[in-house]
Amino acid sequence: MSDQRQAWFARMVESGLEHEIFAPGDVLAHATPDVLANHLPPELLSKVLTASLAAGAMTPERVLETVTPALLSKHLPHEVLWACIVAGATKAGVVIP
């Protein structure tokens, strides 16, 4: 995948979170634990678990503190991120052809 495509997906997810088009929980409804476990490198999964254990809970917010939009776009299939973007846009009343 191209760096430009990866950067675009990262920015779309970042912007969607920033402008509350979707919430961290909405992202993880698409980037499920199974998807994360199958696509993130082991060292990144270890960081997610370590941060969650230190905080006492594994919340969507905590996961996205470690697995940033840039890392999501680098490691996850873009179809997963696109589904999240479309769902958020639809919920916000934005029509995507």
N, C-alpha and C. Protein backbone atom coordinates (compact mmCIF):
# COMPACT_ATOMS: atom_id res chain seq x y z
N MET A 1 0.85 -1.18 0.00
CA MET A 1 0.00 0.00 0.00
C MET A 1 0.89 1.24 0.00
N SER A 2 0.42 2.26 -0.61
CA SER A 2 1.23 3.46 -0.75
C SER A 2 1.24 4.27 0.54
N ASP A 3 2.31 5.03 0.69
CA ASP A 3 2.42 5.91 1.86
C ASP A 3 1.31 6.96 1.87
N GLN A 4 0.94 7.44 0.67
CA GLN A 4 -0.11 8.45 0.58
C GLN A 4 -1.46 7.88 1.02
N ARG A 5 -1.74 6.68 0.60
CA ARG A 5 -3.00 6.02 0.98
C ARG A 5 -3.03 5.80 2.49
N GLN A 6 -1.93 5.33 3.02
CA GLN A 6 -1.81 5.10 4.46
C GLN A 6 -2.00 6.41 5.22
N ALA A 7 -1.38 7.48 4.76
CA ALA A 7 -1.51 8.78 5.42
C ALA A 7 -2.94 9.30 5.34
N TRP A 8 -3.62 9.05 4.22
CA TRP A 8 -5.00 9.49 4.05
C TRP A 8 -5.90 8.79 5.06
N PHE A 9 -5.77 7.48 5.19
CA PHE A 9 -6.59 6.75 6.15
C PHE A 9 -6.29 7.20 7.58
N ALA A 10 -5.03 7.42 7.88
CA ALA A 10 -4.66 7.89 9.22
C ALA A 10 -5.33 9.24 9.51
N ARG A 11 -5.28 10.14 8.56
CA ARG A 11 -5.87 11.47 8.74
C ARG A 11 -7.38 11.40 8.86
N MET A 12 -8.02 10.55 8.07
CA MET A 12 -9.48 10.41 8.15
C MET A 12 -9.92 9.89 9.51
N VAL A 13 -9.23 8.89 10.03
CA VAL A 13 -9.57 8.35 11.35
C VAL A 13 -9.29 9.40 12.42
N GLU A 14 -8.15 10.05 12.34
CA GLU A 14 -7.78 11.10 13.29
C GLU A 14 -8.81 12.23 13.28
N SER A 15 -9.19 12.66 12.10
CA SER A 15 -10.16 13.74 11.96
C SER A 15 -11.54 13.31 12.46
N GLY A 16 -11.94 12.09 12.15
CA GLY A 16 -13.23 11.59 12.63
C GLY A 16 -13.30 11.57 14.14
N LEU A 17 -12.21 11.19 14.79
CA LEU A 17 -12.15 11.21 16.25
C LEU A 17 -12.14 12.64 16.78
N GLU A 18 -11.31 13.47 16.17
CA GLU A 18 -11.17 14.87 16.59
C GLU A 18 -12.49 15.63 16.49
N HIS A 19 -13.25 15.40 15.44
CA HIS A 19 -14.50 16.12 15.21
C HIS A 19 -15.73 15.36 15.69
N GLU A 20 -15.46 14.27 16.42
CA GLU A 20 -16.50 13.46 17.03
C GLU A 20 -17.52 12.91 16.03
N ILE A 21 -17.02 12.60 14.83
CA ILE A 21 -17.84 11.90 13.84
C ILE A 21 -18.02 10.46 14.32
N PHE A 22 -16.99 9.94 14.96
CA PHE A 22 -17.08 8.67 15.66
C PHE A 22 -16.20 8.73 16.89
N ALA A 23 -16.46 7.80 17.80
CA ALA A 23 -15.75 7.73 19.08
C ALA A 23 -14.76 6.56 19.04
N PRO A 24 -13.86 6.51 20.00
CA PRO A 24 -12.94 5.37 20.05
C PRO A 24 -13.67 4.02 20.03
N GLY A 25 -14.79 3.93 20.72
CA GLY A 25 -15.56 2.68 20.72
C GLY A 25 -16.07 2.32 19.34
N ASP A 26 -16.40 3.34 18.54
CA ASP A 26 -16.85 3.08 17.17
C ASP A 26 -15.70 2.51 16.32
N VAL A 27 -14.51 3.03 16.54
CA VAL A 27 -13.34 2.53 15.80
C VAL A 27 -13.11 1.06 16.16
N LEU A 28 -13.18 0.77 17.45
CA LEU A 28 -12.90 -0.60 17.88
C LEU A 28 -14.07 -1.55 17.62
N ALA A 29 -15.21 -1.03 17.25
CA ALA A 29 -16.30 -1.90 16.80
C ALA A 29 -15.93 -2.51 15.45
N HIS A 30 -15.08 -1.84 14.70
CA HIS A 30 -14.61 -2.34 13.41
C HIS A 30 -13.23 -2.98 13.55
N ALA A 31 -12.37 -2.33 14.29
CA ALA A 31 -11.04 -2.88 14.55
C ALA A 31 -11.15 -3.71 15.84
N THR A 32 -11.83 -4.83 15.72
CA THR A 32 -12.13 -5.68 16.87
C THR A 32 -10.85 -6.27 17.47
N PRO A 33 -10.94 -6.81 18.67
CA PRO A 33 -9.76 -7.46 19.24
C PRO A 33 -9.18 -8.53 18.32
N ASP A 34 -10.05 -9.27 17.63
CA ASP A 34 -9.58 -10.29 16.70
C ASP A 34 -8.80 -9.66 15.55
N VAL A 35 -9.31 -8.57 14.99
CA VAL A 35 -8.62 -7.87 13.90
C VAL A 35 -7.28 -7.34 14.39
N LEU A 36 -7.27 -6.72 15.56
CA LEU A 36 -6.02 -6.19 16.11
C LEU A 36 -5.02 -7.31 16.35
N ALA A 37 -5.47 -8.41 16.94
CA ALA A 37 -4.56 -9.53 17.23
C ALA A 37 -3.98 -10.14 15.97
N ASN A 38 -4.74 -10.14 14.89
CA ASN A 38 -4.27 -10.74 13.65
C ASN A 38 -3.42 -9.82 12.78
N HIS A 39 -3.43 -8.50 13.07
CA HIS A 39 -2.72 -7.58 12.18
C HIS A 39 -1.66 -6.71 12.85
N LEU A 40 -1.76 -6.50 14.14
CA LEU A 40 -0.74 -5.68 14.80
C LEU A 40 0.48 -6.53 15.10
N PRO A 41 1.66 -5.93 15.03
CA PRO A 41 2.87 -6.68 15.39
C PRO A 41 2.86 -6.99 16.89
N PRO A 42 3.48 -8.10 17.28
CA PRO A 42 3.46 -8.52 18.69
C PRO A 42 3.93 -7.45 19.67
N GLU A 43 4.95 -6.68 19.29
CA GLU A 43 5.45 -5.66 20.22
C GLU A 43 4.42 -4.56 20.47
N LEU A 44 3.59 -4.25 19.48
CA LEU A 44 2.55 -3.25 19.65
C LEU A 44 1.40 -3.80 20.50
N LEU A 45 1.05 -5.06 20.29
CA LEU A 45 0.03 -5.69 21.13
C LEU A 45 0.50 -5.72 22.59
N SER A 46 1.77 -5.98 22.78
CA SER A 46 2.33 -6.00 24.13
C SER A 46 2.20 -4.62 24.79
N LYS A 47 2.44 -3.55 24.03
CA LYS A 47 2.30 -2.19 24.56
C LYS A 47 0.85 -1.90 24.95
N VAL A 48 -0.10 -2.37 24.14
CA VAL A 48 -1.53 -2.18 24.44
C VAL A 48 -1.85 -2.87 25.76
N LEU A 49 -1.41 -4.11 25.92
CA LEU A 49 -1.68 -4.85 27.15
C LEU A 49 -1.01 -4.21 28.35
N THR A 50 0.21 -3.77 28.20
CA THR A 50 0.94 -3.14 29.29
C THR A 50 0.25 -1.85 29.73
N ALA A 51 -0.14 -1.01 28.78
CA ALA A 51 -0.81 0.25 29.11
C ALA A 51 -2.16 -0.02 29.77
N SER A 52 -2.87 -1.02 29.29
CA SER A 52 -4.18 -1.35 29.86
C SER A 52 -4.05 -1.88 31.28
N LEU A 53 -3.06 -2.74 31.49
CA LEU A 53 -2.84 -3.28 32.84
C LEU A 53 -2.44 -2.17 33.81
N ALA A 54 -1.60 -1.25 33.35
CA ALA A 54 -1.17 -0.14 34.21
C ALA A 54 -2.34 0.75 34.58
N ALA A 55 -3.29 0.89 33.67
CA ALA A 55 -4.45 1.75 33.92
C ALA A 55 -5.57 1.00 34.64
N GLY A 56 -5.49 -0.32 34.66
CA GLY A 56 -6.51 -1.11 35.32
C GLY A 56 -7.69 -1.48 34.44
N ALA A 57 -7.67 -1.09 33.18
CA ALA A 57 -8.77 -1.42 32.27
C ALA A 57 -8.30 -1.27 30.83
N MET A 58 -8.91 -2.08 29.96
CA MET A 58 -8.63 -1.96 28.53
C MET A 58 -9.85 -1.29 27.90
N THR A 59 -9.79 0.00 27.79
CA THR A 59 -10.88 0.77 27.20
C THR A 59 -10.52 1.15 25.76
N PRO A 60 -11.52 1.47 24.94
CA PRO A 60 -11.20 1.93 23.59
C PRO A 60 -10.27 3.14 23.59
N GLU A 61 -10.49 4.04 24.53
CA GLU A 61 -9.63 5.24 24.62
C GLU A 61 -8.19 4.84 24.90
N ARG A 62 -8.01 3.90 25.82
CA ARG A 62 -6.66 3.45 26.18
C ARG A 62 -5.99 2.75 24.99
N VAL A 63 -6.74 1.93 24.26
CA VAL A 63 -6.18 1.25 23.10
C VAL A 63 -5.71 2.26 22.06
N LEU A 64 -6.55 3.29 21.80
CA LEU A 64 -6.19 4.28 20.78
C LEU A 64 -5.10 5.25 21.23
N GLU A 65 -4.81 5.28 22.52
CA GLU A 65 -3.64 6.06 22.98
C GLU A 65 -2.36 5.36 22.51
N THR A 66 -2.40 4.06 22.46
CA THR A 66 -1.23 3.27 22.07
C THR A 66 -1.23 2.99 20.56
N VAL A 67 -2.37 2.57 20.06
CA VAL A 67 -2.50 2.25 18.63
C VAL A 67 -3.15 3.47 17.97
N THR A 68 -2.34 4.41 17.60
CA THR A 68 -2.79 5.68 17.03
C THR A 68 -3.39 5.46 15.64
N PRO A 69 -4.12 6.46 15.12
CA PRO A 69 -4.62 6.34 13.75
C PRO A 69 -3.51 6.02 12.73
N ALA A 70 -2.34 6.58 12.93
CA ALA A 70 -1.22 6.29 12.01
C ALA A 70 -0.84 4.82 12.07
N LEU A 71 -0.82 4.25 13.26
CA LEU A 71 -0.49 2.83 13.39
C LEU A 71 -1.62 1.95 12.87
N LEU A 72 -2.86 2.37 13.10
CA LEU A 72 -3.99 1.62 12.55
C LEU A 72 -3.89 1.56 11.03
N SER A 73 -3.62 2.70 10.42
CA SER A 73 -3.57 2.74 8.95
C SER A 73 -2.36 1.99 8.40
N LYS A 74 -1.34 1.86 9.20
CA LYS A 74 -0.15 1.13 8.77
C LYS A 74 -0.36 -0.38 8.82
N HIS A 75 -1.08 -0.85 9.84
CA HIS A 75 -1.14 -2.29 10.08
C HIS A 75 -2.48 -2.96 9.74
N LEU A 76 -3.57 -2.23 9.81
CA LEU A 76 -4.87 -2.87 9.57
C LEU A 76 -5.26 -2.80 8.11
N PRO A 77 -6.08 -3.76 7.66
CA PRO A 77 -6.60 -3.66 6.30
C PRO A 77 -7.42 -2.38 6.16
N HIS A 78 -7.21 -1.69 5.09
CA HIS A 78 -7.92 -0.41 4.91
C HIS A 78 -9.42 -0.61 4.79
N GLU A 79 -9.86 -1.80 4.42
CA GLU A 79 -11.30 -2.08 4.37
C GLU A 79 -11.93 -1.92 5.75
N VAL A 80 -11.19 -2.28 6.79
CA VAL A 80 -11.68 -2.14 8.16
C VAL A 80 -11.83 -0.66 8.50
N LEU A 81 -10.83 0.12 8.18
CA LEU A 81 -10.89 1.56 8.48
C LEU A 81 -11.96 2.24 7.63
N TRP A 82 -12.09 1.82 6.38
CA TRP A 82 -13.11 2.41 5.52
C TRP A 82 -14.50 2.14 6.08
N ALA A 83 -14.74 0.93 6.56
CA ALA A 83 -16.05 0.60 7.16
C ALA A 83 -16.33 1.50 8.35
N CYS A 84 -15.34 1.79 9.14
CA CYS A 84 -15.49 2.69 10.29
C CYS A 84 -15.81 4.10 9.82
N ILE A 85 -15.10 4.58 8.82
CA ILE A 85 -15.30 5.93 8.28
C ILE A 85 -16.71 6.06 7.71
N VAL A 86 -17.13 5.08 6.92
CA VAL A 86 -18.46 5.12 6.32
C VAL A 86 -19.55 5.09 7.39
N ALA A 87 -19.39 4.22 8.38
CA ALA A 87 -20.39 4.13 9.45
C ALA A 87 -20.49 5.45 10.21
N GLY A 88 -19.36 6.07 10.51
CA GLY A 88 -19.37 7.36 11.21
C GLY A 88 -19.99 8.46 10.38
N ALA A 89 -19.65 8.48 9.11
CA ALA A 89 -20.21 9.50 8.21
C ALA A 89 -21.72 9.31 8.07
N THR A 90 -22.16 8.08 7.92
CA THR A 90 -23.59 7.80 7.79
C THR A 90 -24.33 8.23 9.04
N LYS A 91 -23.78 7.92 10.21
CA LYS A 91 -24.38 8.32 11.47
C LYS A 91 -24.46 9.84 11.60
N ALA A 92 -23.48 10.52 11.04
CA ALA A 92 -23.44 12.00 11.09
C ALA A 92 -24.28 12.64 9.98
N GLY A 93 -24.87 11.82 9.11
CA GLY A 93 -25.71 12.35 8.03
C GLY A 93 -24.96 12.71 6.77
N VAL A 94 -23.72 12.29 6.66
CA VAL A 94 -22.92 12.55 5.46
C VAL A 94 -23.12 11.38 4.51
N VAL A 95 -23.48 11.67 3.27
CA VAL A 95 -23.70 10.61 2.29
C VAL A 95 -22.41 10.36 1.53
N ILE A 96 -21.99 9.09 1.54
CA ILE A 96 -20.80 8.70 0.79
C ILE A 96 -21.30 7.78 -0.33
N PRO A 97 -21.07 8.19 -1.57
CA PRO A 97 -21.57 7.36 -2.69
C PRO A 97 -20.90 6.00 -2.75
